[in-house]
């Protein structure tokens, strides 16, 4: 396989499919029965899709979509849907991300913020790290005076197994620059999110 966990070529998904076949067998099922015959291939392709963030980089995602602006007030994108896989159990966690930043001479194209969230969500993750990765990527891309990221998500590794708490929600936040050092800016961001 290639150095990256997901490269999308036929050889890599075929290799992943072989492993899924053995997992199915290890669970006590017959991978050759009618309903499971194509499952290893479908599961391998799904896993590649769910982890396509490994094949992306920040420069390509942003694609020079930076625009001059005199705005110095908070720019906020709320409720960006995210879907990720917990790196501990390979089970999904699903939620939303709120991203705010204080422009300093330029703004980023609106859709690029959601694409940055997806790039990091589509990797094996823990929510705490993903929050910081998104914040740092927005800061790097925009040169903003401050960045705030809040993620709220439900983790199936907690609701489907183990402690089995279906209604629990995890919230994480990362504040950089003025969002961290200026309490008024931080409070404005938090009020806008709520």
N, C-alpha and C. Protein backbone atom coordinates (compact mmCIF):
# COMPACT_ATOMS: atom_id res chain seq x y z
N UNK A 1 0.83 -1.19 0.00
CA UNK A 1 0.00 0.00 0.00
C UNK A 1 0.87 1.24 0.00
N UNK A 2 0.28 2.35 -0.39
CA UNK A 2 0.99 3.62 -0.44
C UNK A 2 1.29 4.11 0.97
N UNK A 3 2.12 5.16 1.05
CA UNK A 3 2.48 5.72 2.36
C UNK A 3 1.30 6.34 3.07
N UNK A 4 0.35 6.92 2.31
CA UNK A 4 -0.82 7.50 2.94
C UNK A 4 -1.83 6.39 3.19
N UNK A 5 -2.62 6.50 4.27
CA UNK A 5 -3.59 5.45 4.57
C UNK A 5 -4.62 5.27 3.47
N UNK A 6 -4.88 6.31 2.68
CA UNK A 6 -5.90 6.22 1.65
C UNK A 6 -5.35 6.89 0.41
N UNK A 7 -5.21 6.16 -0.67
CA UNK A 7 -4.78 6.82 -1.91
C UNK A 7 -5.78 6.63 -3.04
N UNK A 8 -6.83 5.87 -2.80
CA UNK A 8 -7.93 5.80 -3.75
C UNK A 8 -7.71 4.90 -4.95
N UNK A 9 -6.54 4.28 -5.09
CA UNK A 9 -6.35 3.45 -6.27
C UNK A 9 -6.94 2.06 -6.05
N UNK A 10 -7.12 1.32 -7.16
CA UNK A 10 -7.74 0.00 -7.08
C UNK A 10 -6.96 -0.96 -6.19
N UNK A 11 -5.63 -0.89 -6.26
CA UNK A 11 -4.81 -1.80 -5.47
C UNK A 11 -5.04 -1.61 -3.98
N UNK A 12 -5.15 -0.35 -3.53
CA UNK A 12 -5.31 -0.13 -2.09
C UNK A 12 -6.68 -0.60 -1.59
N UNK A 13 -7.77 -0.32 -2.34
CA UNK A 13 -9.07 -0.78 -1.83
C UNK A 13 -9.17 -2.29 -1.90
N UNK A 14 -8.51 -2.92 -2.88
CA UNK A 14 -8.54 -4.38 -2.95
C UNK A 14 -7.81 -4.99 -1.74
N UNK A 15 -6.73 -4.35 -1.33
CA UNK A 15 -6.00 -4.82 -0.14
C UNK A 15 -6.85 -4.66 1.11
N UNK A 16 -7.50 -3.52 1.23
CA UNK A 16 -8.38 -3.28 2.37
C UNK A 16 -9.54 -4.28 2.35
N UNK A 17 -10.09 -4.55 1.17
CA UNK A 17 -11.20 -5.50 1.05
C UNK A 17 -10.81 -6.89 1.54
N UNK A 18 -9.58 -7.31 1.27
CA UNK A 18 -9.11 -8.61 1.76
C UNK A 18 -9.18 -8.67 3.29
N UNK A 19 -8.81 -7.58 3.92
CA UNK A 19 -8.84 -7.54 5.39
C UNK A 19 -10.28 -7.56 5.91
N UNK A 20 -11.16 -6.84 5.24
CA UNK A 20 -12.57 -6.88 5.65
C UNK A 20 -13.14 -8.29 5.52
N UNK A 21 -12.74 -8.99 4.49
CA UNK A 21 -13.20 -10.37 4.30
C UNK A 21 -12.79 -11.23 5.50
N UNK A 22 -11.56 -11.04 5.95
CA UNK A 22 -11.08 -11.81 7.10
C UNK A 22 -11.76 -11.37 8.39
N UNK A 23 -12.08 -10.10 8.51
CA UNK A 23 -12.82 -9.63 9.69
C UNK A 23 -14.19 -10.29 9.73
N UNK A 24 -14.86 -10.32 8.58
CA UNK A 24 -16.18 -10.97 8.52
C UNK A 24 -16.08 -12.44 8.92
N UNK A 25 -15.07 -13.10 8.41
CA UNK A 25 -14.85 -14.51 8.76
C UNK A 25 -14.56 -14.63 10.26
N UNK A 26 -13.74 -13.74 10.80
CA UNK A 26 -13.38 -13.76 12.22
C UNK A 26 -14.57 -13.52 13.14
N UNK A 27 -15.59 -12.84 12.63
CA UNK A 27 -16.80 -12.61 13.41
C UNK A 27 -17.72 -13.83 13.42
N UNK A 28 -17.35 -14.86 12.65
CA UNK A 28 -18.15 -16.08 12.61
C UNK A 28 -19.13 -16.13 11.45
N UNK A 29 -19.02 -15.19 10.53
CA UNK A 29 -19.90 -15.15 9.36
C UNK A 29 -19.21 -15.79 8.16
N UNK A 30 -19.99 -16.10 7.17
CA UNK A 30 -19.48 -16.66 5.92
C UNK A 30 -19.38 -15.53 4.89
N UNK A 31 -18.18 -15.06 4.56
CA UNK A 31 -18.05 -13.96 3.61
C UNK A 31 -18.48 -14.34 2.18
N UNK A 32 -18.73 -15.63 1.95
CA UNK A 32 -19.16 -16.06 0.62
C UNK A 32 -20.67 -16.18 0.48
N UNK A 33 -21.41 -15.91 1.56
CA UNK A 33 -22.86 -15.98 1.41
C UNK A 33 -23.36 -14.78 0.62
N UNK A 34 -24.51 -14.94 0.03
CA UNK A 34 -25.04 -13.98 -0.94
C UNK A 34 -25.02 -12.54 -0.43
N UNK A 35 -25.53 -12.29 0.75
CA UNK A 35 -25.64 -10.92 1.26
C UNK A 35 -24.30 -10.28 1.59
N UNK A 36 -23.26 -11.10 1.78
CA UNK A 36 -21.95 -10.57 2.18
C UNK A 36 -20.90 -10.63 1.07
N UNK A 37 -21.27 -11.17 -0.07
CA UNK A 37 -20.29 -11.41 -1.13
C UNK A 37 -19.54 -10.13 -1.54
N UNK A 38 -20.23 -9.03 -1.72
CA UNK A 38 -19.59 -7.78 -2.13
C UNK A 38 -19.33 -6.83 -0.98
N UNK A 39 -19.64 -7.26 0.24
CA UNK A 39 -19.47 -6.38 1.41
C UNK A 39 -18.01 -5.95 1.62
N UNK A 40 -17.03 -6.83 1.51
CA UNK A 40 -15.66 -6.37 1.71
C UNK A 40 -15.26 -5.25 0.75
N UNK A 41 -15.66 -5.35 -0.50
CA UNK A 41 -15.35 -4.31 -1.49
C UNK A 41 -16.07 -3.01 -1.14
N UNK A 42 -17.35 -3.11 -0.81
CA UNK A 42 -18.12 -1.90 -0.46
C UNK A 42 -17.56 -1.26 0.81
N UNK A 43 -17.22 -2.08 1.80
CA UNK A 43 -16.68 -1.54 3.06
C UNK A 43 -15.33 -0.86 2.82
N UNK A 44 -14.50 -1.45 1.97
CA UNK A 44 -13.19 -0.86 1.67
C UNK A 44 -13.34 0.49 0.98
N UNK A 45 -14.24 0.56 0.01
CA UNK A 45 -14.46 1.82 -0.69
C UNK A 45 -15.08 2.87 0.25
N UNK A 46 -15.97 2.44 1.13
CA UNK A 46 -16.56 3.36 2.10
C UNK A 46 -15.48 3.89 3.05
N UNK A 47 -14.59 3.01 3.51
CA UNK A 47 -13.53 3.42 4.43
C UNK A 47 -12.59 4.42 3.74
N UNK A 48 -12.30 4.20 2.47
CA UNK A 48 -11.48 5.17 1.73
C UNK A 48 -12.19 6.52 1.66
N UNK A 49 -13.47 6.50 1.36
CA UNK A 49 -14.23 7.75 1.26
C UNK A 49 -14.25 8.47 2.61
N UNK A 50 -14.50 7.73 3.68
CA UNK A 50 -14.60 8.32 5.01
C UNK A 50 -13.26 8.86 5.51
N UNK A 51 -12.18 8.45 4.88
CA UNK A 51 -10.84 8.89 5.28
C UNK A 51 -10.11 9.65 4.17
N UNK A 52 -10.87 10.25 3.28
CA UNK A 52 -10.25 10.94 2.15
C UNK A 52 -9.46 12.19 2.55
N UNK A 53 -9.62 12.64 3.78
CA UNK A 53 -8.86 13.79 4.27
C UNK A 53 -7.36 13.56 4.24
N UNK A 54 -6.93 12.31 4.30
CA UNK A 54 -5.50 12.02 4.23
C UNK A 54 -4.90 12.39 2.87
N UNK A 55 -5.72 12.43 1.85
CA UNK A 55 -5.20 12.74 0.51
C UNK A 55 -5.29 14.23 0.19
N UNK A 56 -5.73 15.04 1.15
CA UNK A 56 -5.90 16.48 0.93
C UNK A 56 -4.86 17.27 1.72
N UNK A 57 -4.54 18.46 1.22
CA UNK A 57 -3.67 19.36 1.97
C UNK A 57 -4.29 20.75 1.96
N UNK A 58 -3.86 21.57 2.90
CA UNK A 58 -4.47 22.87 3.13
C UNK A 58 -4.40 23.79 1.91
N UNK A 59 -3.25 23.85 1.25
CA UNK A 59 -3.11 24.73 0.09
C UNK A 59 -4.09 24.37 -1.03
N UNK A 60 -4.25 23.09 -1.28
CA UNK A 60 -5.16 22.65 -2.33
C UNK A 60 -6.61 22.93 -1.94
N UNK A 61 -6.95 22.70 -0.69
CA UNK A 61 -8.32 22.94 -0.23
C UNK A 61 -8.67 24.43 -0.31
N UNK A 62 -7.76 25.29 0.13
CA UNK A 62 -8.03 26.73 0.10
C UNK A 62 -7.97 27.27 -1.33
N UNK A 63 -7.07 26.74 -2.14
CA UNK A 63 -7.02 27.05 -3.57
C UNK A 63 -7.01 28.57 -3.85
N UNK A 64 -6.20 29.29 -3.08
CA UNK A 64 -6.05 30.74 -3.27
C UNK A 64 -7.35 31.52 -3.14
N UNK A 65 -8.32 31.01 -2.44
CA UNK A 65 -9.61 31.71 -2.28
C UNK A 65 -9.54 32.68 -1.11
N UNK A 66 -8.59 33.61 -1.19
CA UNK A 66 -8.42 34.66 -0.19
C UNK A 66 -8.72 35.99 -0.87
N UNK A 67 -9.50 36.84 -0.18
CA UNK A 67 -9.96 38.08 -0.79
C UNK A 67 -9.70 39.25 0.15
N UNK A 68 -9.23 40.36 -0.43
CA UNK A 68 -9.00 41.56 0.37
C UNK A 68 -10.30 42.04 1.00
N UNK A 69 -10.19 42.53 2.25
CA UNK A 69 -11.36 43.02 2.95
C UNK A 69 -10.94 44.00 4.03
N UNK A 70 -11.75 45.03 4.23
CA UNK A 70 -11.52 45.98 5.31
C UNK A 70 -12.20 45.54 6.60
N UNK A 71 -12.96 44.45 6.55
CA UNK A 71 -13.69 43.98 7.73
C UNK A 71 -12.71 43.57 8.82
N UNK A 72 -12.96 44.06 10.03
CA UNK A 72 -12.15 43.68 11.18
C UNK A 72 -13.01 43.09 12.29
N UNK A 73 -14.25 42.76 11.95
CA UNK A 73 -15.19 42.18 12.91
C UNK A 73 -15.22 40.66 12.73
N UNK A 74 -15.79 39.98 13.70
CA UNK A 74 -15.82 38.51 13.67
C UNK A 74 -16.59 38.02 12.44
N UNK A 75 -15.99 37.07 11.76
CA UNK A 75 -16.66 36.32 10.70
C UNK A 75 -16.94 34.94 11.30
N UNK A 76 -18.20 34.51 11.25
CA UNK A 76 -18.59 33.26 11.88
C UNK A 76 -19.36 32.38 10.91
N UNK A 77 -18.97 31.12 10.86
CA UNK A 77 -19.75 30.11 10.13
C UNK A 77 -20.18 29.08 11.17
N UNK A 78 -21.50 28.97 11.35
CA UNK A 78 -22.06 28.09 12.37
C UNK A 78 -22.59 26.80 11.76
N UNK A 79 -22.68 25.80 12.60
CA UNK A 79 -23.40 24.55 12.27
C UNK A 79 -22.87 23.85 11.03
N UNK A 80 -21.56 23.82 10.86
CA UNK A 80 -20.97 23.04 9.76
C UNK A 80 -21.05 21.57 10.16
N UNK A 81 -21.79 20.78 9.40
CA UNK A 81 -21.92 19.36 9.71
C UNK A 81 -20.57 18.68 9.59
N UNK A 82 -20.31 17.74 10.50
CA UNK A 82 -19.09 16.95 10.37
C UNK A 82 -19.37 15.50 10.71
N UNK A 83 -18.65 14.65 10.02
CA UNK A 83 -18.73 13.20 10.20
C UNK A 83 -17.30 12.70 10.25
N UNK A 84 -16.97 12.00 11.32
CA UNK A 84 -15.61 11.51 11.47
C UNK A 84 -15.63 10.11 12.07
N UNK A 85 -14.45 9.50 12.14
CA UNK A 85 -14.31 8.19 12.75
C UNK A 85 -13.37 8.28 13.94
N UNK A 86 -13.83 7.78 15.07
CA UNK A 86 -13.01 7.73 16.27
C UNK A 86 -11.81 6.82 16.02
N UNK A 87 -10.63 7.34 16.29
CA UNK A 87 -9.43 6.55 16.03
C UNK A 87 -9.25 5.38 17.01
N UNK A 88 -10.02 5.36 18.08
CA UNK A 88 -9.88 4.28 19.06
C UNK A 88 -10.73 3.05 18.73
N UNK A 89 -11.92 3.27 18.12
CA UNK A 89 -12.82 2.15 17.84
C UNK A 89 -13.27 2.08 16.39
N UNK A 90 -12.86 3.04 15.58
CA UNK A 90 -13.31 3.14 14.18
C UNK A 90 -14.82 3.26 14.08
N UNK A 91 -15.44 3.88 15.08
CA UNK A 91 -16.87 4.14 15.04
C UNK A 91 -17.09 5.63 14.79
N UNK A 92 -18.20 5.97 14.16
CA UNK A 92 -18.43 7.38 13.81
C UNK A 92 -18.68 8.28 15.01
N UNK A 93 -18.29 9.53 14.83
CA UNK A 93 -18.84 10.59 15.66
C UNK A 93 -19.33 11.68 14.71
N UNK A 94 -20.47 12.24 15.07
CA UNK A 94 -21.22 13.12 14.19
C UNK A 94 -21.59 14.38 14.96
N UNK A 95 -21.45 15.52 14.31
CA UNK A 95 -21.81 16.74 15.01
C UNK A 95 -21.73 17.96 14.12
N UNK A 96 -21.43 19.08 14.78
CA UNK A 96 -21.33 20.33 14.04
C UNK A 96 -20.17 21.13 14.59
N UNK A 97 -19.65 21.97 13.71
CA UNK A 97 -18.49 22.78 14.03
C UNK A 97 -18.85 24.24 13.80
N UNK A 98 -18.42 25.11 14.70
CA UNK A 98 -18.60 26.55 14.56
C UNK A 98 -17.21 27.16 14.46
N UNK A 99 -16.98 27.96 13.43
CA UNK A 99 -15.67 28.56 13.20
C UNK A 99 -15.84 30.07 13.10
N UNK A 100 -15.07 30.79 13.89
CA UNK A 100 -15.06 32.25 13.82
C UNK A 100 -13.64 32.74 13.70
N UNK A 101 -13.46 33.86 13.01
CA UNK A 101 -12.13 34.46 12.95
C UNK A 101 -12.24 35.97 12.81
N UNK A 102 -11.17 36.66 13.20
CA UNK A 102 -11.06 38.10 13.08
C UNK A 102 -10.14 38.42 11.90
N UNK A 103 -10.70 38.86 10.78
CA UNK A 103 -9.88 39.11 9.59
C UNK A 103 -8.85 40.21 9.85
N UNK A 104 -7.75 40.10 9.15
CA UNK A 104 -6.70 41.10 9.20
C UNK A 104 -6.28 41.41 7.76
N UNK A 105 -7.19 42.10 7.02
CA UNK A 105 -6.87 42.50 5.66
C UNK A 105 -7.38 41.57 4.57
N UNK A 106 -7.78 40.36 4.95
CA UNK A 106 -8.31 39.43 3.96
C UNK A 106 -9.26 38.44 4.61
N UNK A 107 -10.19 37.94 3.78
CA UNK A 107 -11.14 36.92 4.23
C UNK A 107 -10.99 35.70 3.33
N UNK A 108 -11.40 34.57 3.86
CA UNK A 108 -11.32 33.32 3.11
C UNK A 108 -12.69 33.02 2.49
N UNK A 109 -12.71 32.41 1.32
CA UNK A 109 -13.96 32.02 0.69
C UNK A 109 -14.79 31.16 1.64
N UNK A 110 -16.07 31.46 1.71
CA UNK A 110 -16.97 30.82 2.68
C UNK A 110 -16.91 29.30 2.63
N UNK A 111 -16.99 28.72 1.44
CA UNK A 111 -17.02 27.26 1.34
C UNK A 111 -15.71 26.63 1.79
N UNK A 112 -14.63 27.40 1.76
CA UNK A 112 -13.32 26.85 2.14
C UNK A 112 -13.27 26.51 3.63
N UNK A 113 -14.03 27.24 4.43
CA UNK A 113 -14.05 26.93 5.86
C UNK A 113 -14.65 25.54 6.07
N UNK A 114 -15.77 25.27 5.40
CA UNK A 114 -16.40 23.94 5.51
C UNK A 114 -15.47 22.86 4.94
N UNK A 115 -14.77 23.18 3.87
CA UNK A 115 -13.84 22.19 3.29
C UNK A 115 -12.67 21.88 4.23
N UNK A 116 -12.20 22.90 4.95
CA UNK A 116 -11.13 22.66 5.93
C UNK A 116 -11.64 21.76 7.05
N UNK A 117 -12.87 22.01 7.53
CA UNK A 117 -13.46 21.14 8.55
C UNK A 117 -13.52 19.71 8.03
N UNK A 118 -14.01 19.52 6.81
CA UNK A 118 -14.11 18.18 6.23
C UNK A 118 -12.74 17.51 6.09
N UNK A 119 -11.73 18.28 5.68
CA UNK A 119 -10.40 17.69 5.47
C UNK A 119 -9.90 17.02 6.75
N UNK A 120 -10.13 17.67 7.90
CA UNK A 120 -9.67 17.08 9.16
C UNK A 120 -10.66 16.07 9.72
N UNK A 121 -11.95 16.24 9.47
CA UNK A 121 -12.94 15.28 9.95
C UNK A 121 -12.81 13.95 9.22
N UNK A 122 -12.42 13.99 7.97
CA UNK A 122 -12.32 12.76 7.17
C UNK A 122 -10.98 12.07 7.35
N UNK A 123 -10.62 11.90 8.61
CA UNK A 123 -9.42 11.17 9.02
C UNK A 123 -9.78 10.44 10.31
N UNK A 124 -9.00 9.46 10.70
CA UNK A 124 -9.18 8.84 12.00
C UNK A 124 -8.80 9.90 13.03
N UNK A 125 -9.70 10.18 13.97
CA UNK A 125 -9.55 11.37 14.79
C UNK A 125 -9.96 11.15 16.23
N UNK A 126 -9.53 12.09 17.06
CA UNK A 126 -10.20 12.37 18.32
C UNK A 126 -10.63 13.84 18.22
N UNK A 127 -11.76 14.13 18.79
CA UNK A 127 -12.36 15.46 18.64
C UNK A 127 -11.45 16.57 19.16
N UNK A 128 -10.76 16.30 20.26
CA UNK A 128 -9.89 17.31 20.86
C UNK A 128 -8.82 17.76 19.88
N UNK A 129 -8.18 16.82 19.20
CA UNK A 129 -7.13 17.17 18.23
C UNK A 129 -7.71 17.85 17.00
N UNK A 130 -8.84 17.37 16.53
CA UNK A 130 -9.45 17.94 15.34
C UNK A 130 -9.80 19.41 15.55
N UNK A 131 -10.29 19.77 16.72
CA UNK A 131 -10.62 21.17 17.01
C UNK A 131 -9.40 22.06 16.82
N UNK A 132 -8.26 21.62 17.35
CA UNK A 132 -7.03 22.40 17.23
C UNK A 132 -6.54 22.43 15.79
N UNK A 133 -6.60 21.31 15.09
CA UNK A 133 -6.14 21.27 13.70
C UNK A 133 -6.92 22.26 12.83
N UNK A 134 -8.24 22.29 13.02
CA UNK A 134 -9.07 23.22 12.25
C UNK A 134 -8.71 24.66 12.58
N UNK A 135 -8.58 24.97 13.86
CA UNK A 135 -8.25 26.34 14.27
C UNK A 135 -6.91 26.78 13.70
N UNK A 136 -5.92 25.92 13.79
CA UNK A 136 -4.59 26.28 13.29
C UNK A 136 -4.59 26.43 11.77
N UNK A 137 -5.37 25.60 11.07
CA UNK A 137 -5.45 25.71 9.61
C UNK A 137 -6.12 27.02 9.20
N UNK A 138 -7.18 27.41 9.89
CA UNK A 138 -7.85 28.68 9.59
C UNK A 138 -6.89 29.84 9.86
N UNK A 139 -6.17 29.77 10.96
CA UNK A 139 -5.21 30.81 11.31
C UNK A 139 -4.11 30.91 10.27
N UNK A 140 -3.56 29.78 9.87
CA UNK A 140 -2.50 29.75 8.86
C UNK A 140 -2.99 30.31 7.53
N UNK A 141 -4.17 29.92 7.11
CA UNK A 141 -4.72 30.33 5.81
C UNK A 141 -5.04 31.81 5.76
N UNK A 142 -5.61 32.33 6.84
CA UNK A 142 -6.15 33.70 6.81
C UNK A 142 -5.20 34.74 7.38
N UNK A 143 -4.26 34.32 8.22
CA UNK A 143 -3.44 35.29 8.94
C UNK A 143 -4.28 36.11 9.90
N UNK A 144 -5.39 35.54 10.36
CA UNK A 144 -6.35 36.24 11.21
C UNK A 144 -5.74 36.68 12.53
N UNK A 145 -6.34 37.73 13.11
CA UNK A 145 -5.91 38.21 14.42
C UNK A 145 -6.35 37.25 15.53
N UNK A 146 -7.32 36.41 15.24
CA UNK A 146 -7.79 35.43 16.20
C UNK A 146 -8.72 34.44 15.53
N UNK A 147 -8.77 33.25 16.09
CA UNK A 147 -9.63 32.17 15.57
C UNK A 147 -10.27 31.45 16.74
N UNK A 148 -11.54 31.11 16.59
CA UNK A 148 -12.24 30.28 17.57
C UNK A 148 -12.94 29.13 16.88
N UNK A 149 -12.81 27.95 17.44
CA UNK A 149 -13.46 26.75 16.91
C UNK A 149 -14.15 26.03 18.05
N UNK A 150 -15.42 25.71 17.86
CA UNK A 150 -16.17 24.90 18.81
C UNK A 150 -16.77 23.73 18.05
N UNK A 151 -16.60 22.54 18.59
CA UNK A 151 -17.19 21.34 17.99
C UNK A 151 -18.09 20.68 19.03
N UNK A 152 -19.30 20.32 18.60
CA UNK A 152 -20.24 19.56 19.41
C UNK A 152 -20.53 18.27 18.65
N UNK A 153 -20.32 17.11 19.30
CA UNK A 153 -20.51 15.86 18.57
C UNK A 153 -21.00 14.74 19.49
N UNK A 154 -21.72 13.82 18.87
CA UNK A 154 -22.16 12.59 19.52
C UNK A 154 -21.26 11.46 19.01
N UNK A 155 -20.75 10.68 19.95
CA UNK A 155 -19.78 9.62 19.64
C UNK A 155 -20.44 8.26 19.77
N UNK A 156 -20.51 7.53 18.67
CA UNK A 156 -21.13 6.21 18.71
C UNK A 156 -20.31 5.22 19.51
N UNK A 157 -19.02 5.48 19.70
CA UNK A 157 -18.22 4.58 20.55
C UNK A 157 -18.68 4.66 22.00
N UNK A 158 -19.36 5.74 22.35
CA UNK A 158 -19.87 5.88 23.71
C UNK A 158 -21.34 5.47 23.80
N UNK A 159 -22.08 5.59 22.71
CA UNK A 159 -23.51 5.28 22.78
C UNK A 159 -23.85 3.85 22.34
N UNK A 160 -23.05 3.25 21.48
CA UNK A 160 -23.36 1.90 20.98
C UNK A 160 -22.68 0.80 21.76
N UNK A 161 -21.63 1.12 22.50
CA UNK A 161 -20.84 0.11 23.19
C UNK A 161 -20.40 0.69 24.52
N UNK A 162 -19.66 -0.08 25.28
CA UNK A 162 -19.10 0.43 26.53
C UNK A 162 -20.18 0.93 27.48
N UNK A 163 -20.13 2.22 27.81
CA UNK A 163 -21.03 2.80 28.80
C UNK A 163 -22.45 2.99 28.27
N UNK A 164 -22.64 2.98 26.95
CA UNK A 164 -23.95 3.05 26.28
C UNK A 164 -24.80 4.23 26.75
N UNK A 165 -24.27 5.41 26.63
CA UNK A 165 -24.98 6.65 26.96
C UNK A 165 -25.38 7.37 25.67
N UNK A 166 -26.62 7.18 25.24
CA UNK A 166 -27.08 7.65 23.94
C UNK A 166 -27.22 9.17 23.84
N UNK A 167 -27.43 9.86 24.94
CA UNK A 167 -27.72 11.29 24.87
C UNK A 167 -26.53 12.18 25.22
N UNK A 168 -25.36 11.59 25.38
CA UNK A 168 -24.20 12.41 25.74
C UNK A 168 -23.68 13.16 24.51
N UNK A 169 -23.17 14.34 24.77
CA UNK A 169 -22.63 15.20 23.72
C UNK A 169 -21.28 15.71 24.22
N UNK A 170 -20.29 15.66 23.35
CA UNK A 170 -18.98 16.18 23.71
C UNK A 170 -18.81 17.54 23.04
N UNK A 171 -18.31 18.52 23.80
CA UNK A 171 -18.01 19.84 23.26
C UNK A 171 -16.55 20.14 23.49
N UNK A 172 -15.89 20.64 22.45
CA UNK A 172 -14.50 21.06 22.57
C UNK A 172 -14.38 22.45 21.96
N UNK A 173 -13.41 23.21 22.46
CA UNK A 173 -13.17 24.52 21.90
C UNK A 173 -11.68 24.81 21.88
N UNK A 174 -11.29 25.59 20.88
CA UNK A 174 -9.92 26.07 20.78
C UNK A 174 -10.01 27.55 20.43
N UNK A 175 -9.31 28.36 21.18
CA UNK A 175 -9.26 29.80 20.94
C UNK A 175 -7.82 30.20 20.69
N UNK A 176 -7.58 30.90 19.59
CA UNK A 176 -6.24 31.36 19.24
C UNK A 176 -6.23 32.88 19.11
N UNK A 177 -5.09 33.49 19.34
CA UNK A 177 -4.94 34.93 19.16
C UNK A 177 -5.88 35.70 20.05
N UNK A 178 -6.56 36.69 19.48
CA UNK A 178 -7.44 37.56 20.27
C UNK A 178 -8.64 36.82 20.86
N UNK A 179 -9.01 35.69 20.29
CA UNK A 179 -10.09 34.91 20.89
C UNK A 179 -9.65 34.35 22.24
N UNK A 180 -8.35 34.17 22.42
CA UNK A 180 -7.81 33.66 23.67
C UNK A 180 -7.47 34.79 24.62
N UNK A 181 -6.87 35.87 24.10
CA UNK A 181 -6.33 36.92 24.97
C UNK A 181 -7.31 38.04 25.28
N UNK A 182 -8.34 38.21 24.46
CA UNK A 182 -9.28 39.31 24.65
C UNK A 182 -10.63 38.73 25.08
N UNK A 183 -10.97 38.92 26.34
CA UNK A 183 -12.19 38.30 26.88
C UNK A 183 -13.45 38.83 26.19
N UNK A 184 -13.46 40.10 25.78
CA UNK A 184 -14.64 40.66 25.11
C UNK A 184 -14.84 39.99 23.75
N UNK A 185 -13.76 39.77 23.02
CA UNK A 185 -13.85 39.10 21.72
C UNK A 185 -14.33 37.66 21.90
N UNK A 186 -13.77 36.98 22.90
CA UNK A 186 -14.17 35.60 23.18
C UNK A 186 -15.65 35.52 23.54
N UNK A 187 -16.11 36.45 24.39
CA UNK A 187 -17.51 36.44 24.80
C UNK A 187 -18.44 36.74 23.61
N UNK A 188 -18.04 37.67 22.74
CA UNK A 188 -18.85 37.95 21.56
C UNK A 188 -18.99 36.70 20.69
N UNK A 189 -17.86 36.00 20.47
CA UNK A 189 -17.88 34.76 19.69
C UNK A 189 -18.81 33.73 20.33
N UNK A 190 -18.69 33.52 21.62
CA UNK A 190 -19.53 32.54 22.31
C UNK A 190 -21.00 32.92 22.23
N UNK A 191 -21.31 34.20 22.33
CA UNK A 191 -22.71 34.64 22.21
C UNK A 191 -23.23 34.42 20.80
N UNK A 192 -22.41 34.69 19.80
CA UNK A 192 -22.83 34.46 18.42
C UNK A 192 -23.08 32.98 18.15
N UNK A 193 -22.26 32.12 18.73
CA UNK A 193 -22.44 30.67 18.54
C UNK A 193 -23.72 30.19 19.21
N UNK A 194 -24.00 30.71 20.43
CA UNK A 194 -25.21 30.26 21.13
C UNK A 194 -26.40 31.00 20.58
